[in-house]
Amino acid sequence: MSAITVFSARKIITMNPARPHVTHVAVLDGRVLATGTIEEIAGWGDYTLDDSFSEKVIMPGFVEGHCHLMAGGIWKYTYVGYQDRVDPDGRHWPGVKTLEEVLARLKEAEAKLGPDDPLVAWGFDPIFLMDRRLDKNDLDNVSPSRPIAIVHSNFHLMTVNSASLSLANYVADMEIDGIAIGPDGTPNGELQEMAAMFPIMRRLGIDLRELGRTKRSLVDFGKVCNRVGVTPAADLINDLPDEDVEQMKTITDGSDYPIRLM
């Protein structure tokens, strides 16, 4: 039998209403054996005391029942969401609270790109920016010639600039569902749902599923979960081709992978 490790903490949240808080938790073979005081836990036998978290709060991990592996790979693009976020490598990204701040972050990212690179960003949520909708004219001010695509936080909407619209030959009077039209009768840059978004995505090399298939994206997904306290996560959009399954098993079976991936 493996040795018992007992962790001490300032507070341990048990989720047991009969005894919601304790000070020690015993772990055996990667599973919780018991919680309580050190005197109570000592009854389980010899143990090693670990005080690494003695000033911290320990709680059960969150269960993420509906997520997508691209939550790791999406960080290859520029974040322009309203809420503060931390990327897989631990960098803090302050939320952008106004359209002006969104455009400023895009201009900063655009200045770092090569001459032929598109600018892709993600996380934008117009619900929090109620003064007006982001449109192609805003993004043309970031760059009139470089293709730009901003994927909204729900991944069902996208806003692009005039250069991107031209790539897909989106013009006036197309009468295609999902291509929003501005007051002048031409596409205003907002694309709704995949049928309208995909021609732009294909031309700019945006493959949302591919963002969850590489080794780096799988590792980054685990980091993202770990940083917000998620321990098991279920990926609910995956074709599971054989080569992907083998890679997933190899990576997630490693002792250093921080979550259980379903």
Protein backbone atom coordinates (compact mmCIF):
# COMPACT_ATOMS: atom_id res chain seq x y z
CA MET A 1 0.00 0.00 0.00
CA SER A 2 1.22 3.49 -0.81
CA ALA A 3 1.97 5.92 1.99
CA ILE A 4 -0.70 8.31 3.26
CA THR A 5 -0.01 12.02 2.81
CA VAL A 6 -1.84 14.47 5.06
CA PHE A 7 -2.14 18.07 3.86
CA SER A 8 -2.77 20.87 6.32
CA ALA A 9 -4.48 24.13 5.34
CA ARG A 10 -5.88 27.29 6.85
CA LYS A 11 -9.27 26.02 5.73
CA ILE A 12 -10.44 22.98 3.79
CA ILE A 13 -13.91 23.21 2.23
CA THR A 14 -15.37 19.71 2.28
CA MET A 15 -18.78 20.27 0.60
CA ASN A 16 -20.21 18.18 3.45
CA PRO A 17 -22.98 20.26 5.10
CA ALA A 18 -22.58 18.29 8.32
CA ARG A 19 -18.96 19.45 8.58
CA PRO A 20 -18.22 22.09 5.95
CA HIS A 21 -14.73 23.11 7.12
CA VAL A 22 -11.74 21.14 8.45
CA THR A 23 -8.01 21.68 8.74
CA HIS A 24 -6.50 18.46 7.33
CA VAL A 25 -7.09 16.07 4.46
CA ALA A 26 -5.50 12.65 4.00
CA VAL A 27 -4.70 11.43 0.47
CA LEU A 28 -3.93 7.85 -0.52
CA ASP A 29 -3.09 6.77 -4.08
CA GLY A 30 -4.34 10.07 -5.45
CA ARG A 31 -7.72 9.90 -3.70
CA VAL A 32 -9.11 11.60 -0.63
CA LEU A 33 -9.06 9.14 2.25
CA ALA A 34 -10.37 11.30 5.08
CA THR A 35 -10.82 14.87 6.29
CA GLY A 36 -10.83 16.28 9.80
CA THR A 37 -8.35 17.26 12.48
CA ILE A 38 -4.86 15.79 12.52
CA GLU A 39 -5.85 13.72 15.57
CA GLU A 40 -8.81 12.20 13.74
CA ILE A 41 -6.85 11.44 10.59
CA ALA A 42 -4.00 9.84 12.53
CA GLY A 43 -6.29 6.89 13.17
CA TRP A 44 -5.85 5.77 9.56
CA GLY A 45 -2.23 4.83 10.16
CA ASP A 46 1.25 6.18 9.46
CA TYR A 47 1.35 9.30 7.33
CA THR A 48 3.59 12.05 6.00
CA LEU A 49 2.50 15.59 6.90
CA ASP A 50 2.72 18.17 4.10
CA ASP A 51 2.42 21.81 5.19
CA SER A 52 2.82 23.28 1.68
CA PHE A 53 -0.73 24.68 1.83
CA SER A 54 -0.84 25.56 5.51
CA GLU A 55 -1.75 29.20 4.76
CA LYS A 56 -4.05 28.39 1.85
CA VAL A 57 -7.64 27.30 1.32
CA ILE A 58 -8.18 23.85 -0.22
CA MET A 59 -11.44 22.98 -1.93
CA PRO A 60 -12.72 20.26 -4.28
CA GLY A 61 -12.00 20.80 -7.96
CA PHE A 62 -14.73 22.14 -10.22
CA VAL A 63 -16.32 19.79 -12.76
CA GLU A 64 -16.54 21.31 -16.26
CA GLY A 65 -19.32 19.37 -17.95
CA HIS A 66 -19.35 21.16 -21.31
CA CYS A 67 -16.19 22.64 -22.75
CA HIS A 68 -14.04 22.54 -25.87
CA LEU A 69 -10.35 21.79 -26.23
CA MET A 70 -9.88 24.91 -28.34
CA ALA A 71 -10.01 26.88 -25.07
CA GLY A 72 -6.29 26.15 -24.91
CA GLY A 73 -5.29 26.72 -28.53
CA ILE A 74 -7.39 29.87 -28.96
CA TRP A 75 -4.73 31.79 -27.03
CA LYS A 76 -2.60 31.84 -30.19
CA TYR A 77 -4.84 34.78 -31.10
CA THR A 78 -5.24 38.15 -29.39
CA TYR A 79 -7.71 38.33 -26.49
CA VAL A 80 -10.19 41.25 -26.61
CA GLY A 81 -12.82 40.18 -24.08
CA TYR A 82 -14.47 42.30 -21.40
CA GLN A 83 -13.43 40.13 -18.45
CA ASP A 84 -9.90 39.80 -17.08
CA ARG A 85 -8.34 36.49 -18.13
CA VAL A 86 -5.12 34.59 -17.49
CA ASP A 87 -3.57 32.74 -20.41
CA PRO A 88 -2.08 29.22 -20.17
CA ASP A 89 1.38 30.60 -19.44
CA GLY A 90 0.15 32.76 -16.56
CA ARG A 91 0.06 36.16 -18.27
CA HIS A 92 -2.74 38.39 -16.99
CA TRP A 93 -4.85 39.99 -19.74
CA PRO A 94 -6.96 42.90 -18.43
CA GLY A 95 -10.43 43.03 -19.92
CA VAL A 96 -11.10 45.74 -22.49
CA LYS A 97 -14.04 47.84 -21.29
CA THR A 98 -14.71 50.13 -24.26
CA LEU A 99 -14.55 49.93 -28.04
CA GLU A 100 -11.61 52.33 -27.89
CA GLU A 101 -9.72 49.89 -25.68
CA VAL A 102 -10.59 47.02 -28.04
CA LEU A 103 -9.19 48.93 -31.01
CA ALA A 104 -6.09 49.99 -29.06
CA ARG A 105 -5.28 46.36 -28.24
CA LEU A 106 -5.84 45.37 -31.86
CA LYS A 107 -3.48 48.11 -33.06
CA GLU A 108 -0.85 46.95 -30.59
CA ALA A 109 -1.16 43.37 -31.87
CA GLU A 110 -1.22 44.46 -35.50
CA ALA A 111 2.08 46.29 -35.12
CA LYS A 112 3.80 43.01 -34.17
CA LEU A 113 2.62 40.98 -37.18
CA GLY A 114 4.47 40.17 -40.36
CA PRO A 115 3.36 41.90 -43.56
CA ASP A 116 1.32 38.93 -44.82
CA ASP A 117 -0.20 37.80 -41.51
CA PRO A 118 -3.93 38.27 -40.83
CA LEU A 119 -4.97 39.73 -37.47
CA VAL A 120 -7.27 37.38 -35.58
CA ALA A 121 -8.68 38.13 -32.13
CA TRP A 122 -11.22 36.44 -29.88
CA GLY A 123 -13.40 36.87 -26.80
CA PHE A 124 -15.19 40.05 -27.91
CA ASP A 125 -18.63 40.41 -26.30
CA PRO A 126 -20.82 43.31 -27.50
CA ILE A 127 -23.29 42.71 -24.65
CA PHE A 128 -20.96 44.67 -22.37
CA LEU A 129 -20.34 47.48 -24.87
CA MET A 130 -23.77 48.91 -25.45
CA ASP A 131 -22.98 52.26 -27.08
CA ARG A 132 -22.87 50.79 -30.61
CA ARG A 133 -21.87 47.68 -32.53
CA LEU A 134 -18.32 47.09 -33.69
CA ASP A 135 -18.24 47.20 -37.51
CA LYS A 136 -15.89 47.07 -40.48
CA ASN A 137 -15.15 50.80 -40.31
CA ASP A 138 -13.69 50.41 -36.82
CA LEU A 139 -11.46 47.58 -37.97
CA ASP A 140 -10.48 49.44 -41.15
CA ASN A 141 -9.01 52.07 -38.83
CA VAL A 142 -6.78 49.36 -37.35
CA SER A 143 -5.69 48.34 -40.85
CA PRO A 144 -7.40 48.98 -44.20
CA SER A 145 -5.31 46.37 -46.01
CA ARG A 146 -4.54 43.56 -43.55
CA PRO A 147 -7.42 41.03 -43.19
CA ILE A 148 -8.86 41.24 -39.67
CA ALA A 149 -11.34 38.90 -37.99
CA ILE A 150 -12.68 39.24 -34.45
CA VAL A 151 -14.33 36.05 -33.15
CA HIS A 152 -17.01 36.86 -30.57
CA SER A 153 -17.05 35.18 -27.18
CA ASN A 154 -19.93 32.88 -28.16
CA PHE A 155 -18.12 31.71 -31.34
CA HIS A 156 -21.36 32.21 -33.29
CA LEU A 157 -20.51 35.74 -34.46
CA MET A 158 -17.55 37.39 -36.10
CA THR A 159 -16.73 40.96 -37.08
CA VAL A 160 -14.32 41.55 -39.95
CA ASN A 161 -12.85 44.48 -41.85
CA SER A 162 -13.24 45.44 -45.50
CA ALA A 163 -10.13 43.51 -46.55
CA SER A 164 -11.61 40.29 -45.15
CA LEU A 165 -14.97 40.95 -46.79
CA SER A 166 -13.21 41.38 -50.12
CA LEU A 167 -11.40 38.06 -49.73
CA ALA A 168 -14.76 36.29 -49.55
CA ASN A 169 -16.36 38.49 -52.22
CA TYR A 170 -19.00 39.68 -49.78
CA VAL A 171 -20.71 42.60 -51.49
CA ALA A 172 -24.07 44.37 -51.46
CA ASP A 173 -27.36 42.67 -52.36
CA MET A 174 -26.15 39.12 -51.73
CA GLU A 175 -29.22 38.27 -49.63
CA ILE A 176 -27.31 35.58 -47.76
CA ASP A 177 -28.43 34.79 -44.22
CA GLY A 178 -25.88 35.84 -41.66
CA ILE A 179 -24.21 38.67 -43.56
CA ALA A 180 -25.34 41.79 -41.70
CA ILE A 181 -26.03 44.83 -43.87
CA GLY A 182 -25.28 48.41 -42.88
CA PRO A 183 -27.28 51.59 -43.59
CA ASP A 184 -25.48 52.00 -46.92
CA GLY A 185 -26.73 48.63 -48.15
CA THR A 186 -23.33 46.91 -48.02
CA PRO A 187 -22.06 44.28 -45.55
CA ASN A 188 -21.18 46.06 -42.30
CA GLY A 189 -18.62 43.44 -41.23
CA GLU A 190 -20.71 41.39 -38.78
CA LEU A 191 -21.13 37.74 -39.76
CA GLN A 192 -23.62 35.53 -37.98
CA GLU A 193 -23.25 31.75 -37.66
CA MET A 194 -20.89 29.38 -39.40
CA ALA A 195 -22.31 29.54 -42.93
CA ALA A 196 -21.42 33.23 -43.15
CA MET A 197 -18.24 32.98 -41.06
CA PHE A 198 -16.62 29.94 -42.66
CA PRO A 199 -15.54 31.51 -45.98
CA ILE A 200 -13.56 34.08 -44.01
CA MET A 201 -12.19 31.49 -41.58
CA ARG A 202 -11.00 29.27 -44.44
CA ARG A 203 -9.20 32.13 -46.14
CA LEU A 204 -7.54 33.32 -42.94
CA GLY A 205 -6.59 29.84 -41.76
CA ILE A 206 -8.87 29.86 -38.70
CA ASP A 207 -9.67 26.24 -37.86
CA LEU A 208 -11.42 26.08 -34.49
CA ARG A 209 -11.25 22.30 -34.30
CA GLU A 210 -7.56 22.28 -35.15
CA LEU A 211 -7.06 24.52 -32.11
CA GLY A 212 -7.89 21.49 -29.97
CA ARG A 213 -5.91 18.84 -31.84
CA THR A 214 -2.25 19.77 -31.46
CA LYS A 215 0.00 18.71 -28.60
CA ARG A 216 0.48 22.34 -27.59
CA SER A 217 -3.26 23.01 -27.50
CA LEU A 218 -3.93 19.93 -25.34
CA VAL A 219 -1.23 20.99 -22.88
CA ASP A 220 -2.52 24.57 -22.84
CA PHE A 221 -6.07 23.35 -22.27
CA GLY A 222 -4.91 21.50 -19.18
CA LYS A 223 -3.17 24.66 -17.95
CA VAL A 224 -6.30 26.76 -18.50
CA CYS A 225 -8.40 24.32 -16.48
CA ASN A 226 -5.80 24.11 -13.73
CA ARG A 227 -5.68 27.90 -13.33
CA VAL A 228 -9.42 28.13 -12.61
CA GLY A 229 -9.65 25.08 -10.37
CA VAL A 230 -11.18 22.61 -12.84
CA THR A 231 -10.04 19.02 -12.29
CA PRO A 232 -12.29 16.92 -14.62
CA ALA A 233 -13.50 18.37 -17.95
CA ALA A 234 -15.70 16.96 -20.73
CA ASP A 235 -14.96 18.00 -24.31
CA LEU A 236 -18.30 17.96 -26.15
CA ILE A 237 -17.29 18.59 -29.74
CA ASN A 238 -14.75 16.15 -31.10
CA ASP A 239 -14.75 13.75 -34.04
CA LEU A 240 -12.18 11.58 -32.20
CA PRO A 241 -10.17 10.34 -35.18
CA ASP A 242 -7.85 7.50 -34.20
CA GLU A 243 -4.65 9.56 -34.42
CA ASP A 244 -6.14 12.23 -32.14
CA VAL A 245 -7.22 9.63 -29.59
CA GLU A 246 -3.71 8.18 -29.46
CA GLN A 247 -2.21 11.63 -28.93
CA MET A 248 -4.78 12.51 -26.27
CA LYS A 249 -4.06 9.29 -24.39
CA THR A 250 -0.33 9.83 -24.54
CA ILE A 251 -0.58 13.39 -23.21
CA THR A 252 -3.40 13.04 -20.69
CA ASP A 253 -2.08 9.78 -19.23
CA GLY A 254 1.09 11.55 -18.16
CA SER A 255 1.52 12.06 -14.42
CA ASP A 256 2.06 15.79 -15.00
CA TYR A 257 -1.21 16.37 -16.89
CA PRO A 258 -3.32 18.42 -14.45
CA ILE A 259 -6.88 17.28 -15.26
CA ARG A 260 -8.99 14.25 -16.14
CA LEU A 261 -10.23 14.77 -19.69
CA MET A 262 -13.48 13.08 -20.74
